[in-house]
Amino acid sequence: MSNKRPNIVFILNDHQAYYGHGWEGGPQIQRPNFDRLASQGVLFNRAYTACPLCGPARRTMLTGLYPHNHGETKNKSDHPFDRELYLPKLTDAGYRNIYYGKWHAGPGSAHDFGCEEAFSYYGYNNPYTKPEYHDYLRRKELPDPKIRLERVFVPPQRLPQDSETHLYSQNRPNCNEHASGIMTTPKETHEAFFLASLACDKLAELAATEDDRPFALRVDFWGPHQPYFPTEEYVNLYPPEQIPEYPSFRDDLTTKPELYKSERNFGISREGKLIQPNPLPWSDWQQILSRCYAQITMMDEAAGLILDQLDRLGLSDNTLVVWTTDHGDAVACHGGHFDKSSYMPEELIRIPMTLRYPGVVPAGQVSEKLVSNIDLAPTFLDAAGLAFERPVDGSSLLPLAANPDTPWRTEVVSETHGHGEDALGRALVSERYKYIFNENDMDELYDLQSDRYEMHNLIDSAEHRELLANMRDKLRAWQAATGDNAYTVQ
């Protein structure tokens, strides 16, 4: 390995369905480039998000703090940035910081935090409406993207289609349409390939320069967050009729807190509650999941272009690469949801995460240690020989990745402060069990070893009374350690 400080490449997907390649009995979601990266480093098989919501999770990945400590507890909190971020610390230490993609972490954008170059706009936003994207289309001689809508979870008039072509254009302020369909234009018109193109061009420029400063490149895709709009070539990989029913689709929610009944999507909800049984037949959900899985594979191909460029330019050997997502997706689970809410099943809080660092991290590892995206910012700084001035909640992953026998936490916590409703919850996950505290609602306890899809809430099980007390004690200890004083665990 070079003695130079490593370059850092951070690839972040958004809102990715399911936490593995697929689910028991279901299709294997194809992620060949993610798998390639994992085979060259370490796959963290038990990675969790600090919060199953974009804004809080993204602020966590900038600060190494849980949301209750960094203050961005909801998507529109816009809490001031009053704690350290890793981006300006890298800049101050001589790194060239480049940021392409979604921000959605609070006020401002990446332009305000030490990046010498950025494609970054406030909030959620929409890359398809931006001049940089239209310049890309012109340079690549690509048409404006068009969508053939198939399933819309908002009143149809909110997503108007062209009267002649009957196709949809993504020109809303935010590209988060609650819909699925097929992109009829080439795959390169998708935002993922646009961002990958920006990244690949910049890597070529960095490799050609005589400037020997290390760089930190971050690429934040908007997908595979809905809308699920893949092109036909990826859709063909997932024939809908071959997708079996998801194990918790028919969950009647009788042993779940009221949170699981929250749903606001058109056609499957009434007065803010999920209609039960789900009004859409499984055949409709098969089509939706087909488009969802296809989009994950499409995103994988786009990100793979960045990995290919690192190899092509001879940059891989001295570059730390981390690839993960901010949180999961509740699509089709626990009664048939679309999007997410304030509940915290594994589908929402467990995330894919892999790390490659040649010469430091042995290849081919699969780690079952409990890691979190609270650990990412400390990892980036550690690789650069830096650290936050004040203590943070996360720990650098590099010692664990370099030596799997490194002492590590035995529990990890995810938190929610509500999404679209007032709610407060904490999920404490151990090697086998998961306890969820839901303020003013039913608590939850699951044996993840025997009940992967969380269909059997053990909260009232006499057999598990001692275990429950122990996990509540551990959550109280976590509260004390992280300064989480917003509630009292009974």
Protein backbone atom coordinates (compact mmCIF):
# COMPACT_ATOMS: atom_id res chain seq x y z
CA MET A 1 0.00 0.00 0.00
CA SER A 2 1.13 3.56 -0.68
CA ASN A 3 2.27 5.62 2.29
CA LYS A 4 0.14 8.47 0.99
CA ARG A 5 -3.10 9.23 2.77
CA PRO A 6 -5.79 7.27 0.97
CA ASN A 7 -8.37 8.69 -1.34
CA ILE A 8 -11.91 8.17 -0.12
CA VAL A 9 -14.89 7.23 -2.28
CA PHE A 10 -18.31 7.09 -0.62
CA ILE A 11 -21.20 5.68 -2.67
CA LEU A 12 -24.61 6.14 -1.07
CA ASN A 13 -27.84 4.65 -2.34
CA ASP A 14 -31.15 5.96 -1.03
CA HIS A 15 -33.97 3.93 0.54
CA GLN A 16 -33.04 0.45 -0.68
CA ALA A 17 -35.56 -2.37 -0.41
CA TYR A 18 -34.63 -5.34 1.78
CA TYR A 19 -31.34 -5.82 3.43
CA GLY A 20 -29.81 -8.69 1.46
CA HIS A 21 -29.84 -10.08 -2.05
CA GLY A 22 -33.47 -11.04 -1.68
CA TRP A 23 -35.66 -12.87 0.76
CA GLU A 24 -36.39 -16.42 1.70
CA GLY A 25 -38.12 -18.06 -1.27
CA GLY A 26 -38.00 -14.85 -3.27
CA PRO A 27 -35.86 -13.67 -6.16
CA GLN A 28 -32.20 -12.91 -5.65
CA ILE A 29 -31.76 -9.20 -6.33
CA GLN A 30 -28.80 -8.88 -8.68
CA ARG A 31 -26.04 -6.57 -7.39
CA PRO A 32 -22.91 -7.81 -9.17
CA ASN A 33 -20.89 -4.64 -8.59
CA PHE A 34 -21.78 -4.39 -4.91
CA ASP A 35 -20.82 -8.07 -4.63
CA ARG A 36 -17.55 -7.41 -6.43
CA LEU A 37 -16.63 -4.66 -4.00
CA ALA A 38 -17.62 -6.83 -1.03
CA SER A 39 -15.45 -9.69 -2.28
CA GLN A 40 -12.46 -7.33 -2.32
CA GLY A 41 -12.98 -6.17 1.26
CA VAL A 42 -15.55 -6.76 3.99
CA LEU A 43 -19.30 -7.21 3.77
CA PHE A 44 -21.01 -6.04 6.95
CA ASN A 45 -23.94 -8.41 7.07
CA ARG A 46 -25.49 -6.85 10.19
CA ALA A 47 -25.45 -3.15 9.35
CA TYR A 48 -28.17 -0.83 10.62
CA THR A 49 -29.24 2.75 10.12
CA ALA A 50 -29.38 5.23 12.98
CA CYS A 51 -32.82 6.26 11.76
CA PRO A 52 -35.06 4.92 8.95
CA LEU A 53 -35.56 8.39 7.48
CA CYS A 54 -33.45 10.32 4.96
CA GLY A 55 -32.73 13.62 6.72
CA PRO A 56 -31.78 12.22 10.14
CA ALA A 57 -29.73 9.37 8.64
CA ARG A 58 -27.87 11.70 6.29
CA ARG A 59 -26.98 14.09 9.10
CA THR A 60 -25.78 11.07 11.08
CA MET A 61 -23.46 10.10 8.23
CA LEU A 62 -21.98 13.60 8.27
CA THR A 63 -21.48 13.79 12.03
CA GLY A 64 -21.20 10.29 13.52
CA LEU A 65 -24.05 11.19 15.88
CA TYR A 66 -27.48 9.79 16.57
CA PRO A 67 -30.32 12.14 15.53
CA HIS A 68 -31.17 13.04 19.12
CA ASN A 69 -27.64 14.45 19.38
CA HIS A 70 -27.27 16.20 16.01
CA GLY A 71 -30.80 17.63 16.07
CA GLU A 72 -32.05 16.75 12.56
CA THR A 73 -34.72 14.38 13.84
CA LYS A 74 -37.13 14.63 10.89
CA ASN A 75 -36.87 15.26 7.17
CA LYS A 76 -37.83 18.92 7.45
CA SER A 77 -36.31 19.81 10.81
CA ASP A 78 -33.67 22.09 9.23
CA HIS A 79 -31.83 22.08 12.54
CA PRO A 80 -28.72 24.30 12.37
CA PHE A 81 -25.40 22.56 11.80
CA ASP A 82 -24.04 22.99 15.31
CA ARG A 83 -21.79 19.91 15.46
CA GLU A 84 -18.68 18.99 13.46
CA LEU A 85 -19.05 17.47 9.99
CA TYR A 86 -16.40 15.26 8.45
CA LEU A 87 -16.44 17.09 5.08
CA PRO A 88 -14.82 20.40 6.18
CA LYS A 89 -12.38 18.53 8.42
CA LEU A 90 -11.13 16.64 5.37
CA THR A 91 -10.86 19.88 3.43
CA ASP A 92 -8.94 21.57 6.23
CA ALA A 93 -6.56 18.60 6.27
CA GLY A 94 -5.75 19.04 2.57
CA TYR A 95 -8.28 16.74 0.91
CA ARG A 96 -10.00 17.73 -2.31
CA ASN A 97 -13.68 17.25 -1.49
CA ILE A 98 -16.11 16.52 -4.34
CA TYR A 99 -19.81 15.83 -3.79
CA TYR A 100 -22.35 14.76 -6.42
CA GLY A 101 -25.97 14.06 -5.67
CA LYS A 102 -28.71 14.29 -3.08
CA TRP A 103 -28.15 16.37 0.05
CA HIS A 104 -31.31 16.28 2.21
CA ALA A 105 -29.38 16.60 5.45
CA GLY A 106 -30.58 20.00 6.62
CA PRO A 107 -30.02 23.65 5.66
CA GLY A 108 -27.88 24.53 2.65
CA SER A 109 -26.09 21.97 0.52
CA ALA A 110 -22.68 20.38 0.06
CA HIS A 111 -21.46 23.68 -1.44
CA ASP A 112 -21.52 25.13 2.08
CA PHE A 113 -19.28 22.52 3.70
CA GLY A 114 -15.83 22.52 2.23
CA CYS A 115 -16.44 20.93 -1.18
CA GLU A 116 -14.38 22.38 -4.03
CA GLU A 117 -16.87 20.98 -6.52
CA ALA A 118 -20.43 19.79 -6.04
CA PHE A 119 -23.65 19.01 -7.81
CA SER A 120 -25.82 19.56 -4.76
CA TYR A 121 -29.07 21.36 -4.04
CA TYR A 122 -31.05 22.05 -0.88
CA GLY A 123 -33.40 19.42 0.50
CA TYR A 124 -34.64 16.44 -1.46
CA ASN A 125 -34.81 18.26 -4.78
CA ASN A 126 -34.82 16.88 -8.34
CA PRO A 127 -31.75 16.39 -10.57
CA TYR A 128 -33.90 16.07 -13.70
CA THR A 129 -34.79 19.78 -13.61
CA LYS A 130 -31.24 21.10 -13.24
CA PRO A 131 -29.08 22.77 -15.92
CA GLU A 132 -26.17 20.41 -15.21
CA TYR A 133 -28.38 17.45 -16.08
CA HIS A 134 -29.61 19.05 -19.31
CA ASP A 135 -26.01 19.85 -20.26
CA TYR A 136 -25.26 16.15 -19.74
CA LEU A 137 -28.14 15.15 -22.03
CA ARG A 138 -26.85 17.46 -24.76
CA ARG A 139 -23.27 16.23 -24.48
CA LYS A 140 -24.36 12.61 -24.60
CA GLU A 141 -26.99 13.29 -27.29
CA LEU A 142 -29.68 11.81 -25.07
CA PRO A 143 -33.42 12.59 -25.15
CA ASP A 144 -35.39 14.01 -22.26
CA PRO A 145 -36.40 11.10 -19.99
CA LYS A 146 -39.93 9.76 -20.32
CA ILE A 147 -41.85 7.31 -18.15
CA ARG A 148 -44.69 4.93 -18.86
CA LEU A 149 -46.57 4.95 -15.56
CA GLU A 150 -48.04 1.67 -14.33
CA ARG A 151 -49.01 2.16 -10.70
CA VAL A 152 -49.60 5.54 -9.04
CA PHE A 153 -50.09 5.91 -5.28
CA VAL A 154 -51.29 9.52 -5.49
CA PRO A 155 -54.40 10.89 -7.20
CA PRO A 156 -53.61 10.54 -10.94
CA GLN A 157 -54.01 14.27 -11.66
CA ARG A 158 -50.95 14.94 -9.51
CA LEU A 159 -48.74 13.16 -12.06
CA PRO A 160 -50.00 14.54 -15.39
CA GLN A 161 -48.96 12.76 -18.58
CA ASP A 162 -48.45 14.17 -22.06
CA SER A 163 -51.77 14.18 -23.90
CA GLU A 164 -50.23 12.77 -27.08
CA THR A 165 -47.60 10.29 -25.91
CA HIS A 166 -49.28 9.44 -22.58
CA LEU A 167 -45.80 9.50 -21.02
CA TYR A 168 -44.72 11.20 -17.82
CA SER A 169 -41.83 13.66 -17.30
CA GLN A 170 -40.15 14.04 -13.92
CA ASN A 171 -40.39 17.81 -13.57
CA ARG A 172 -41.76 18.18 -10.03
CA PRO A 173 -39.75 20.04 -7.35
CA ASN A 174 -38.82 16.68 -5.78
CA CYS A 175 -38.28 13.44 -7.71
CA ASN A 176 -39.92 11.28 -5.06
CA GLU A 177 -43.11 10.35 -6.88
CA HIS A 178 -45.04 7.55 -5.21
CA ALA A 179 -45.30 5.51 -8.37
CA SER A 180 -43.78 2.72 -10.42
CA GLY A 181 -43.39 2.26 -14.15
CA ILE A 182 -40.85 1.91 -16.93
CA MET A 183 -38.41 4.51 -18.24
CA THR A 184 -38.82 4.38 -22.02
CA THR A 185 -35.69 6.38 -22.80
CA PRO A 186 -32.14 4.92 -22.59
CA LYS A 187 -30.83 3.95 -19.16
CA GLU A 188 -28.29 6.76 -19.43
CA THR A 189 -31.14 9.27 -18.96
CA HIS A 190 -31.62 7.99 -15.39
CA GLU A 191 -30.14 10.17 -12.65
CA ALA A 192 -27.88 7.34 -11.52
CA PHE A 193 -25.98 7.29 -14.82
CA PHE A 194 -25.82 11.09 -14.83
CA LEU A 195 -24.17 11.14 -11.40
CA ALA A 196 -21.87 8.25 -12.32
CA SER A 197 -20.81 10.19 -15.43
CA LEU A 198 -19.95 13.24 -13.33
CA ALA A 199 -17.93 11.05 -10.98
CA CYS A 200 -16.07 9.20 -13.74
CA ASP A 201 -15.17 12.44 -15.54
CA LYS A 202 -13.90 13.94 -12.30
CA LEU A 203 -11.82 10.87 -11.48
CA ALA A 204 -10.15 11.10 -14.89
CA GLU A 205 -9.37 14.76 -14.21
CA LEU A 206 -7.97 13.98 -10.76
CA ALA A 207 -5.79 11.19 -12.14
CA ALA A 208 -4.36 13.47 -14.81
CA THR A 209 -3.46 16.37 -12.53
CA GLU A 210 -0.07 16.91 -10.94
CA ASP A 211 -1.80 17.91 -7.72
CA ASP A 212 -0.82 15.18 -5.24
CA ARG A 213 -3.47 15.99 -2.66
CA PRO A 214 -5.77 13.05 -1.83
CA PHE A 215 -9.42 13.38 -2.81
CA ALA A 216 -12.71 12.48 -1.14
CA LEU A 217 -15.43 11.79 -3.69
CA ARG A 218 -19.00 11.29 -2.51
CA VAL A 219 -21.82 10.18 -4.83
CA ASP A 220 -25.33 10.27 -3.37
CA PHE A 221 -27.85 8.67 -5.71
CA TRP A 222 -31.55 9.52 -5.49
CA GLY A 223 -32.47 5.88 -6.14
CA PRO A 224 -33.49 3.19 -5.65
CA HIS A 225 -35.96 5.30 -3.61
CA GLN A 226 -39.31 5.37 -5.31
CA PRO A 227 -40.43 6.18 -7.95
CA TYR A 228 -39.36 2.82 -9.32
CA PHE A 229 -38.65 3.79 -12.94
CA PRO A 230 -36.12 1.28 -14.37
CA THR A 231 -35.68 0.63 -18.07
CA GLU A 232 -37.00 -2.49 -19.80
CA GLU A 233 -33.67 -4.33 -19.85
CA TYR A 234 -33.62 -4.48 -16.04
CA VAL A 235 -37.34 -5.17 -15.72
CA ASN A 236 -36.85 -8.28 -17.86
CA LEU A 237 -34.60 -9.70 -15.14
CA TYR A 238 -37.54 -9.93 -12.73
CA PRO A 239 -40.68 -11.47 -14.28
CA PRO A 240 -43.50 -10.43 -11.93
CA GLU A 241 -45.24 -13.78 -12.05
CA GLN A 242 -42.14 -15.42 -10.58
CA ILE A 243 -42.14 -13.28 -7.43
CA PRO A 244 -43.79 -15.25 -4.59
CA GLU A 245 -45.80 -13.53 -1.90
CA TYR A 246 -43.71 -11.66 0.64
CA PRO A 247 -43.86 -13.46 4.01
CA SER A 248 -45.42 -10.58 5.97
CA PHE A 249 -47.72 -9.25 3.23
CA ARG A 250 -50.83 -10.66 4.94
CA ASP A 251 -49.81 -9.68 8.47
CA ASP A 252 -53.08 -8.66 10.16
CA LEU A 253 -51.10 -6.43 12.58
CA THR A 254 -53.03 -7.64 15.64
CA THR A 255 -49.80 -8.00 17.65
CA LYS A 256 -48.25 -4.80 16.30
CA PRO A 257 -48.35 -1.24 17.63
CA GLU A 258 -50.74 1.19 15.96
CA LEU A 259 -47.77 2.66 14.06
CA TYR A 260 -47.83 -0.28 11.65
CA LYS A 261 -51.32 0.74 10.53
CA SER A 262 -50.15 4.17 9.39
CA GLU A 263 -50.41 4.60 5.62
CA ARG A 264 -51.14 7.62 3.45
CA ASN A 265 -50.73 6.28 -0.07
CA PHE A 266 -53.66 6.61 -2.45
CA GLY A 267 -55.55 3.38 -3.08
CA ILE A 268 -54.29 1.42 -0.07
CA SER A 269 -55.23 3.78 2.77
CA ARG A 270 -58.28 5.41 4.33
CA GLU A 271 -58.02 8.34 6.74
CA GLY A 272 -54.30 7.73 7.24
CA LYS A 273 -54.63 4.01 7.95
CA LEU A 274 -53.73 0.96 5.89
CA ILE A 275 -56.78 -0.76 4.45
CA GLN A 276 -56.86 -4.38 5.61
CA PRO A 277 -56.76 -6.78 3.94
CA ASN A 278 -54.70 -4.96 1.34
CA PRO A 279 -56.98 -3.79 -1.49
CA LEU A 280 -54.38 -4.52 -4.20
CA PRO A 281 -54.10 -8.13 -5.32
CA TRP A 282 -50.69 -9.77 -4.99
CA SER A 283 -50.35 -9.64 -8.79
CA ASP A 284 -50.20 -5.83 -8.56
CA TRP A 285 -47.54 -6.02 -5.88
CA GLN A 286 -45.58 -8.48 -8.02
CA GLN A 287 -45.36 -5.84 -10.73
CA ILE A 288 -44.36 -3.13 -8.24
CA LEU A 289 -41.64 -5.32 -6.73
CA SER A 290 -40.39 -6.26 -10.18
CA ARG A 291 -39.78 -2.57 -10.91
CA CYS A 292 -38.30 -2.01 -7.45
CA TYR A 293 -35.80 -4.86 -7.82
CA ALA A 294 -34.98 -3.82 -11.39
CA GLN A 295 -34.13 -0.33 -10.19
CA ILE A 296 -31.74 -1.71 -7.56
CA THR A 297 -29.92 -3.62 -10.30
CA MET A 298 -29.86 -0.55 -12.52
CA MET A 299 -28.36 1.52 -9.69
CA ASP A 300 -25.77 -1.19 -9.18
CA GLU A 301 -24.66 -0.94 -12.80
CA ALA A 302 -24.34 2.83 -12.61
CA ALA A 303 -22.23 2.69 -9.45
CA GLY A 304 -20.14 -0.06 -11.03
CA LEU A 305 -18.97 2.46 -13.62
CA ILE A 306 -17.28 4.38 -10.79
CA LEU A 307 -15.52 1.25 -9.55
CA ASP A 308 -14.42 0.46 -13.11
CA GLN A 309 -13.01 3.95 -13.50
CA LEU A 310 -11.00 3.65 -10.30
CA ASP A 311 -9.47 0.43 -11.65
CA ARG A 312 -8.87 1.86 -15.11
CA LEU A 313 -7.03 4.88 -13.73
CA GLY A 314 -4.91 2.90 -11.28
CA LEU A 315 -6.53 4.58 -8.27
CA SER A 316 -8.05 1.56 -6.52
CA ASP A 317 -4.98 0.47 -4.55
CA ASN A 318 -4.83 3.66 -2.51
CA THR A 319 -8.56 4.34 -2.18
CA LEU A 320 -10.95 3.50 0.63
CA VAL A 321 -14.37 2.75 -0.89
CA VAL A 322 -17.53 2.51 1.20
CA TRP A 323 -20.89 1.65 -0.36
CA THR A 324 -24.13 1.61 1.62
CA THR A 325 -27.62 3.10 1.79
CA ASP A 326 -29.26 5.52 4.20
CA HIS A 327 -32.13 3.20 5.23
CA GLY A 328 -34.46 0.51 3.93
CA ASP A 329 -37.89 0.35 2.31
CA ALA A 330 -41.16 -1.03 3.69
CA VAL A 331 -42.61 -1.88 0.27
CA ALA A 332 -45.07 -4.84 0.46
CA CYS A 333 -44.22 -5.73 4.07
CA HIS A 334 -46.51 -6.03 7.12
CA GLY A 335 -49.85 -5.73 5.42
CA GLY A 336 -48.62 -4.24 2.15
CA HIS A 337 -47.13 -0.77 2.63
CA PHE A 338 -45.59 1.58 0.09
CA ASP A 339 -42.71 3.82 1.22
CA LYS A 340 -42.13 4.00 5.01
CA SER A 341 -43.49 5.45 8.24
CA SER A 342 -42.56 5.50 11.94
CA TYR A 343 -42.36 1.73 12.51
CA MET A 344 -38.98 -0.05 12.58
CA PRO A 345 -39.04 -3.54 11.08
CA GLU A 346 -35.83 -5.01 9.72
CA GLU A 347 -36.91 -4.02 6.20
CA LEU A 348 -36.49 -0.39 7.22
CA ILE A 349 -33.53 -0.34 9.58
CA ARG A 350 -31.19 -3.03 8.23
CA ILE A 351 -29.01 -1.88 5.36
CA PRO A 352 -26.37 -3.19 2.95
CA MET A 353 -22.82 -1.99 3.70
CA THR A 354 -19.43 -2.92 2.34
CA LEU A 355 -15.93 -1.47 2.62
CA ARG A 356 -12.77 -2.00 0.55
CA TYR A 357 -9.32 -0.71 1.52
CA PRO A 358 -6.50 -2.64 -0.20
CA GLY A 359 -3.48 -3.36 1.97
CA VAL A 360 -5.39 -2.60 5.16
CA VAL A 361 -8.60 -4.62 4.99
CA PRO A 362 -8.26 -8.32 4.04
CA ALA A 363 -10.46 -9.33 1.13
CA GLY A 364 -13.33 -11.78 1.22
CA GLN A 365 -14.60 -11.10 4.75
CA VAL A 366 -18.21 -11.38 5.88
CA SER A 367 -18.69 -9.71 9.25
CA GLU A 368 -21.64 -10.43 11.52
CA LYS A 369 -20.71 -7.62 13.93
CA LEU A 370 -23.38 -4.99 14.62
CA VAL A 371 -22.34 -1.87 12.74
CA SER A 372 -24.22 1.31 11.91
CA ASN A 373 -24.04 4.38 9.73
CA ILE A 374 -23.08 6.26 12.91
CA ASP A 375 -19.68 4.66 12.22
CA LEU A 376 -19.09 6.11 8.75
CA ALA A 377 -17.92 9.64 9.51
CA PRO A 378 -15.40 8.42 12.13
CA THR A 379 -14.19 5.86 9.56
CA PHE A 380 -13.51 8.49 6.90
CA LEU A 381 -11.63 10.67 9.36
CA ASP A 382 -9.66 7.71 10.73
CA ALA A 383 -8.51 6.79 7.21
CA ALA A 384 -7.22 10.35 6.83
CA GLY A 385 -5.46 10.27 10.19
CA LEU A 386 -8.04 12.58 11.75
CA ALA A 387 -10.73 12.51 14.42
CA PHE A 388 -13.60 14.64 15.65
CA GLU A 389 -12.65 17.08 18.40
CA ARG A 390 -15.69 16.16 20.52
CA PRO A 391 -16.78 12.58 21.27
CA VAL A 392 -19.29 11.09 18.84
CA ASP A 393 -21.60 8.10 19.01
CA GLY A 394 -19.94 6.09 16.24
CA SER A 395 -16.59 4.32 16.00
CA SER A 396 -14.23 3.86 13.09
CA LEU A 397 -14.86 0.63 11.21
CA LEU A 398 -11.23 0.33 10.11
CA PRO A 399 -9.89 -1.58 13.16
CA LEU A 400 -12.77 -4.08 12.90
CA ALA A 401 -12.37 -4.41 9.13
CA ALA A 402 -8.64 -4.97 9.48
CA ASN A 403 -8.99 -7.47 12.33
CA PRO A 404 -12.32 -9.25 12.89
CA ASP A 405 -11.27 -10.10 16.46
CA THR A 406 -11.33 -6.42 17.44
CA PRO A 407 -13.61 -5.88 20.47
CA TRP A 408 -16.91 -4.40 19.27
CA ARG A 409 -20.38 -3.47 20.47
CA THR A 410 -22.87 -6.26 21.19
CA GLU A 411 -26.00 -4.17 20.58
CA VAL A 412 -26.90 -1.41 18.16
CA VAL A 413 -29.78 1.09 18.29
CA SER A 414 -31.96 2.72 15.66
CA GLU A 415 -34.28 5.57 16.56
CA THR A 416 -37.33 7.32 15.15
CA HIS A 417 -38.96 10.62 16.01
CA GLY A 418 -41.84 10.01 13.65
CA HIS A 419 -42.51 10.44 9.96
CA GLY A 420 -45.74 12.14 8.99
CA GLU A 421 -46.91 11.78 12.58
CA ASP A 422 -45.64 12.34 16.10
CA ALA A 423 -43.97 9.19 17.34
CA LEU A 424 -40.93 8.24 19.37
CA GLY A 425 -39.31 4.83 19.21
CA ARG A 426 -36.02 3.06 19.79
CA ALA A 427 -35.03 -0.35 18.40
CA LEU A 428 -32.26 -2.18 20.25
CA VAL A 429 -30.81 -5.07 18.26
CA SER A 430 -28.58 -7.78 19.68
CA GLU A 431 -27.03 -10.78 17.99
CA ARG A 432 -30.34 -12.67 18.15
CA TYR A 433 -33.10 -10.52 19.61
CA LYS A 434 -34.67 -7.17 18.87
CA TYR A 435 -36.55 -4.97 21.34
CA ILE A 436 -38.50 -1.92 20.17
CA PHE A 437 -39.69 0.71 22.61
CA ASN A 438 -42.67 2.65 21.24
CA GLU A 439 -43.72 5.55 23.46
CA ASN A 440 -47.44 5.45 24.30
CA ASP A 441 -47.89 2.38 22.13
CA MET A 442 -47.26 -1.37 22.21
CA ASP A 443 -43.61 -2.42 22.58
CA GLU A 444 -42.14 -5.22 20.47
CA LEU A 445 -39.78 -8.14 21.03
CA TYR A 446 -38.64 -10.52 18.30
CA ASP A 447 -36.37 -13.52 17.98
CA LEU A 448 -34.66 -12.68 14.68
CA GLN A 449 -33.11 -16.12 14.51
CA SER A 450 -36.44 -17.99 14.33
CA ASP A 451 -38.66 -15.14 13.14
CA ARG A 452 -36.78 -13.23 10.46
CA TYR A 453 -39.91 -11.40 9.25
CA GLU A 454 -41.07 -10.34 12.73
CA MET A 455 -44.47 -11.99 12.62
CA HIS A 456 -44.51 -13.07 16.30
CA ASN A 457 -44.30 -10.28 18.84
CA LEU A 458 -43.02 -11.83 22.09
CA ILE A 459 -43.63 -8.75 24.23
CA ASP A 460 -46.21 -10.57 26.42
CA SER A 461 -44.41 -13.93 26.46
CA ALA A 462 -43.86 -15.22 29.99
CA GLU A 463 -40.98 -17.32 28.69
CA HIS A 464 -39.15 -14.18 27.53
CA ARG A 465 -39.86 -11.97 30.55
CA GLU A 466 -36.28 -12.08 31.84
CA LEU A 467 -34.87 -11.43 28.37
CA LEU A 468 -37.20 -8.45 27.96
CA ALA A 469 -36.10 -6.97 31.28
CA ASN A 470 -32.47 -7.40 30.26
CA MET A 471 -32.98 -5.66 26.93
CA ARG A 472 -34.84 -2.81 28.58
CA ASP A 473 -31.90 -2.41 30.95
CA LYS A 474 -29.55 -2.29 27.97
CA LEU A 475 -31.66 0.38 26.29
CA ARG A 476 -31.57 2.45 29.46
CA ALA A 477 -27.78 2.07 29.54
CA TRP A 478 -27.61 3.21 25.91
CA GLN A 479 -29.78 6.22 26.80
CA ALA A 480 -27.40 7.20 29.56
CA ALA A 481 -24.35 6.70 27.38
CA THR A 482 -25.68 8.79 24.47
CA GLY A 483 -27.60 11.43 26.41
CA ASP A 484 -30.99 10.33 25.08
CA ASN A 485 -33.36 11.75 27.69
CA ALA A 486 -36.54 12.30 25.68
CA TYR A 487 -38.48 9.40 27.22
CA THR A 488 -38.55 6.83 30.01
CA VAL A 489 -38.40 3.11 29.29
CA GLN A 490 -40.88 1.42 31.61
